[in-house]
Amino acid sequence: MSFTLSPGQAHELPSAYALRDERPHPPTYVVCDRGYASHKFREDL
């Protein structure tokens, strides 16, 4: 499991890529809020 905290005014998507890249294997499930709702991010997963 991985998580990060970001300031309220910052967009979450850059953190999502960093969290994904630090994992040794692709995640089975990803639970996140609408800040991560990006078509490209979904494709990359």
PDB file of N, CA and C in Angstrom:
ATOM      1  N   MET A   1       0.852  -1.166   0.000  1.00  0.00           N
ATOM      2  CA  MET A   1       0.000   0.000   0.000  1.00  0.00           C
ATOM      3  C   MET A   1       0.897   1.228   0.000  1.00  0.00           C
ATOM      4  N   SER A   2       0.479   2.242  -0.738  1.00  0.00           N
ATOM      5  CA  SER A   2       1.202   3.509  -0.807  1.00  0.00           C
ATOM      6  C   SER A   2       0.220   4.651  -0.669  1.00  0.00           C
ATOM      7  N   PHE A   3       0.689   5.765  -0.140  1.00  0.00           N
ATOM      8  CA  PHE A   3      -0.140   6.963  -0.080  1.00  0.00           C
ATOM      9  C   PHE A   3       0.765   8.184  -0.026  1.00  0.00           C
ATOM     10  N   THR A   4       0.182   9.319  -0.326  1.00  0.00           N
ATOM     11  CA  THR A   4       0.886  10.589  -0.242  1.00  0.00           C
ATOM     12  C   THR A   4      -0.107  11.661   0.168  1.00  0.00           C
ATOM     13  N   LEU A   5       0.394  12.707   0.783  1.00  0.00           N
ATOM     14  CA  LEU A   5      -0.428  13.860   1.134  1.00  0.00           C
ATOM     15  C   LEU A   5       0.037  15.036   0.294  1.00  0.00           C
ATOM     16  N   SER A   6      -0.908  15.774  -0.237  1.00  0.00           N
ATOM     17  CA  SER A   6      -0.560  16.941  -1.042  1.00  0.00           C
ATOM     18  C   SER A   6      -1.361  18.136  -0.540  1.00  0.00           C
ATOM     19  N   PRO A   7      -0.845  19.342  -0.781  1.00  0.00           N
ATOM     20  CA  PRO A   7      -1.584  20.538  -0.369  1.00  0.00           C
ATOM     21  C   PRO A   7      -2.937  20.614  -1.072  1.00  0.00           C
ATOM     22  N   GLY A   8      -3.896  21.251  -0.456  1.00  0.00           N
ATOM     23  CA  GLY A   8      -5.242  21.342  -1.009  1.00  0.00           C
ATOM     24  C   GLY A   8      -5.311  22.022  -2.357  1.00  0.00           C
ATOM     25  N   GLN A   9      -4.403  22.948  -2.639  1.00  0.00           N
ATOM     26  CA  GLN A   9      -4.446  23.675  -3.901  1.00  0.00           C
ATOM     27  C   GLN A   9      -3.655  22.966  -5.006  1.00  0.00           C
ATOM     28  N   ALA A  10      -2.955  21.886  -4.682  1.00  0.00           N
ATOM     29  CA  ALA A  10      -2.139  21.177  -5.676  1.00  0.00           C
ATOM     30  C   ALA A  10      -2.965  20.093  -6.371  1.00  0.00           C
ATOM     31  N   HIS A  11      -2.671  19.876  -7.623  1.00  0.00           N
ATOM     32  CA  HIS A  11      -3.344  18.810  -8.354  1.00  0.00           C
ATOM     33  C   HIS A  11      -2.723  17.479  -7.943  1.00  0.00           C
ATOM     34  N   GLU A  12      -3.530  16.449  -7.806  1.00  0.00           N
ATOM     35  CA  GLU A  12      -3.069  15.153  -7.312  1.00  0.00           C
ATOM     36  C   GLU A  12      -2.410  14.286  -8.376  1.00  0.00           C
ATOM     37  N   LEU A  13      -2.636  14.553  -9.634  1.00  0.00           N
ATOM     38  CA  LEU A  13      -2.167  13.661 -10.686  1.00  0.00           C
ATOM     39  C   LEU A  13      -0.648  13.461 -10.698  1.00  0.00           C
ATOM     40  N   PRO A  14       0.189  14.489 -10.523  1.00  0.00           N
ATOM     41  CA  PRO A  14       1.637  14.220 -10.470  1.00  0.00           C
ATOM     42  C   PRO A  14       2.015  13.242  -9.355  1.00  0.00           C
ATOM     43  N   SER A  15       1.331  13.314  -8.233  1.00  0.00           N
ATOM     44  CA  SER A  15       1.591  12.366  -7.142  1.00  0.00           C
ATOM     45  C   SER A  15       1.177  10.960  -7.525  1.00  0.00           C
ATOM     46  N   ALA A  16       0.136  10.825  -8.316  1.00  0.00           N
ATOM     47  CA  ALA A  16      -0.346   9.508  -8.719  1.00  0.00           C
ATOM     48  C   ALA A  16       0.712   8.772  -9.531  1.00  0.00           C
ATOM     49  N   TYR A  17       1.362   9.465 -10.453  1.00  0.00           N
ATOM     50  CA  TYR A  17       2.409   8.821 -11.248  1.00  0.00           C
ATOM     51  C   TYR A  17       3.587   8.425 -10.365  1.00  0.00           C
ATOM     52  N   ALA A  18       3.958   9.264  -9.410  1.00  0.00           N
ATOM     53  CA  ALA A  18       5.058   8.939  -8.494  1.00  0.00           C
ATOM     54  C   ALA A  18       4.717   7.711  -7.655  1.00  0.00           C
ATOM     55  N   LEU A  19       3.493   7.641  -7.152  1.00  0.00           N
ATOM     56  CA  LEU A  19       3.082   6.481  -6.362  1.00  0.00           C
ATOM     57  C   LEU A  19       3.087   5.212  -7.210  1.00  0.00           C
ATOM     58  N   ARG A  20       2.611   5.321  -8.419  1.00  0.00           N
ATOM     59  CA  ARG A  20       2.586   4.158  -9.310  1.00  0.00           C
ATOM     60  C   ARG A  20       3.996   3.670  -9.606  1.00  0.00           C
ATOM     61  N   ASP A  21       4.919   4.601  -9.828  1.00  0.00           N
ATOM     62  CA  ASP A  21       6.278   4.237 -10.213  1.00  0.00           C
ATOM     63  C   ASP A  21       7.091   3.626  -9.078  1.00  0.00           C
ATOM     64  N   GLU A  22       6.719   3.886  -7.842  1.00  0.00           N
ATOM     65  CA  GLU A  22       7.488   3.335  -6.723  1.00  0.00           C
ATOM     66  C   GLU A  22       7.079   1.907  -6.371  1.00  0.00           C
ATOM     67  N   ARG A  23       6.014   1.426  -6.951  1.00  0.00           N
ATOM     68  CA  ARG A  23       5.549   0.063  -6.692  1.00  0.00           C
ATOM     69  C   ARG A  23       6.373  -0.944  -7.505  1.00  0.00           C
ATOM     70  N   PRO A  24       6.755  -2.092  -6.920  1.00  0.00           N
ATOM     71  CA  PRO A  24       7.524  -3.080  -7.684  1.00  0.00           C
ATOM     72  C   PRO A  24       6.679  -3.819  -8.737  1.00  0.00           C
ATOM     73  N   HIS A  25       5.365  -3.902  -8.520  1.00  0.00           N
ATOM     74  CA  HIS A  25       4.458  -4.579  -9.449  1.00  0.00           C
ATOM     75  C   HIS A  25       3.237  -3.696  -9.673  1.00  0.00           C
ATOM     76  N   PRO A  26       2.574  -3.844 -10.810  1.00  0.00           N
ATOM     77  CA  PRO A  26       1.356  -3.060 -11.040  1.00  0.00           C
ATOM     78  C   PRO A  26       0.291  -3.379  -9.983  1.00  0.00           C
ATOM     79  N   PRO A  27      -0.462  -2.380  -9.553  1.00  0.00           N
ATOM     80  CA  PRO A  27      -1.500  -2.632  -8.553  1.00  0.00           C
ATOM     81  C   PRO A  27      -2.668  -3.416  -9.146  1.00  0.00           C
ATOM     82  N   THR A  28      -3.317  -4.179  -8.300  1.00  0.00           N
ATOM     83  CA  THR A  28      -4.521  -4.903  -8.707  1.00  0.00           C
ATOM     84  C   THR A  28      -5.709  -3.966  -8.676  1.00  0.00           C
ATOM     85  N   TYR A  29      -5.760  -3.114  -7.658  1.00  0.00           N
ATOM     86  CA  TYR A  29      -6.834  -2.137  -7.500  1.00  0.00           C
ATOM     87  C   TYR A  29      -6.231  -0.777  -7.217  1.00  0.00           C
ATOM     88  N   VAL A  30      -6.906   0.255  -7.667  1.00  0.00           N
ATOM     89  CA  VAL A  30      -6.528   1.632  -7.356  1.00  0.00           C
ATOM     90  C   VAL A  30      -7.775   2.329  -6.844  1.00  0.00           C
ATOM     91  N   VAL A  31      -7.688   2.866  -5.636  1.00  0.00           N
ATOM     92  CA  VAL A  31      -8.799   3.594  -5.035  1.00  0.00           C
ATOM     93  C   VAL A  31      -8.340   5.038  -4.873  1.00  0.00           C
ATOM     94  N   CYS A  32      -9.077   5.955  -5.498  1.00  0.00           N
ATOM     95  CA  CYS A  32      -8.684   7.367  -5.425  1.00  0.00           C
ATOM     96  C   CYS A  32      -9.904   8.251  -5.660  1.00  0.00           C
ATOM     97  N   ASP A  33      -9.717   9.544  -5.462  1.00  0.00           N
ATOM     98  CA  ASP A  33     -10.832  10.460  -5.662  1.00  0.00           C
ATOM     99  C   ASP A  33     -10.793  11.040  -7.069  1.00  0.00           C
ATOM    100  N   ARG A  34     -11.665  11.968  -7.353  1.00  0.00           N
ATOM    101  CA  ARG A  34     -11.816  12.509  -8.704  1.00  0.00           C
ATOM    102  C   ARG A  34     -10.598  13.282  -9.176  1.00  0.00           C
ATOM    103  N   GLY A  35      -9.728  13.700  -8.280  1.00  0.00           N
ATOM    104  CA  GLY A  35      -8.518  14.414  -8.681  1.00  0.00           C
ATOM    105  C   GLY A  35      -7.616  13.579  -9.577  1.00  0.00           C
ATOM    106  N   TYR A  36      -7.772  12.270  -9.508  1.00  0.00           N
ATOM    107  CA  TYR A  36      -6.974  11.369 -10.322  1.00  0.00           C
ATOM    108  C   TYR A  36      -7.691  10.959 -11.601  1.00  0.00           C
ATOM    109  N   ALA A  37      -8.827  11.514 -11.853  1.00  0.00           N
ATOM    110  CA  ALA A  37      -9.637  11.127 -13.014  1.00  0.00           C
ATOM    111  C   ALA A  37      -9.034  11.720 -14.291  1.00  0.00           C
ATOM    112  N   SER A  38      -8.163  10.983 -14.889  1.00  0.00           N
ATOM    113  CA  SER A  38      -7.523  11.393 -16.135  1.00  0.00           C
ATOM    114  C   SER A  38      -7.544  10.193 -17.084  1.00  0.00           C
ATOM    115  N   HIS A  39      -7.972  10.421 -18.300  1.00  0.00           N
ATOM    116  CA  HIS A  39      -8.037   9.327 -19.275  1.00  0.00           C
ATOM    117  C   HIS A  39      -6.653   8.710 -19.476  1.00  0.00           C
ATOM    118  N   LYS A  40      -5.621   9.544 -19.590  1.00  0.00           N
ATOM    119  CA  LYS A  40      -4.255   9.039 -19.786  1.00  0.00           C
ATOM    120  C   LYS A  40      -3.806   8.221 -18.591  1.00  0.00           C
ATOM    121  N   PHE A  41      -4.103   8.669 -17.378  1.00  0.00           N
ATOM    122  CA  PHE A  41      -3.712   7.917 -16.179  1.00  0.00           C
ATOM    123  C   PHE A  41      -4.397   6.562 -16.159  1.00  0.00           C
ATOM    124  N   ARG A  42      -5.658   6.516 -16.500  1.00  0.00           N
ATOM    125  CA  ARG A  42      -6.377   5.230 -16.553  1.00  0.00           C
ATOM    126  C   ARG A  42      -5.761   4.297 -17.595  1.00  0.00           C
ATOM    127  N   GLU A  43      -5.402   4.839 -18.749  1.00  0.00           N
ATOM    128  CA  GLU A  43      -4.756   4.020 -19.771  1.00  0.00           C
ATOM    129  C   GLU A  43      -3.405   3.498 -19.287  1.00  0.00           C
ATOM    130  N   ASP A  44      -2.635   4.342 -18.610  1.00  0.00           N
ATOM    131  CA  ASP A  44      -1.320   3.946 -18.117  1.00  0.00           C
ATOM    132  C   ASP A  44      -1.404   2.841 -17.068  1.00  0.00           C
ATOM    133  N   LEU A  45      -2.491   2.845 -16.304  1.00  0.00           N
ATOM    134  CA  LEU A  45      -2.653   1.791 -15.301  1.00  0.00           C
ATOM    135  C   LEU A  45      -2.893   0.464 -15.979  1.00  0.00           C
TER     136      LEU A  45
END
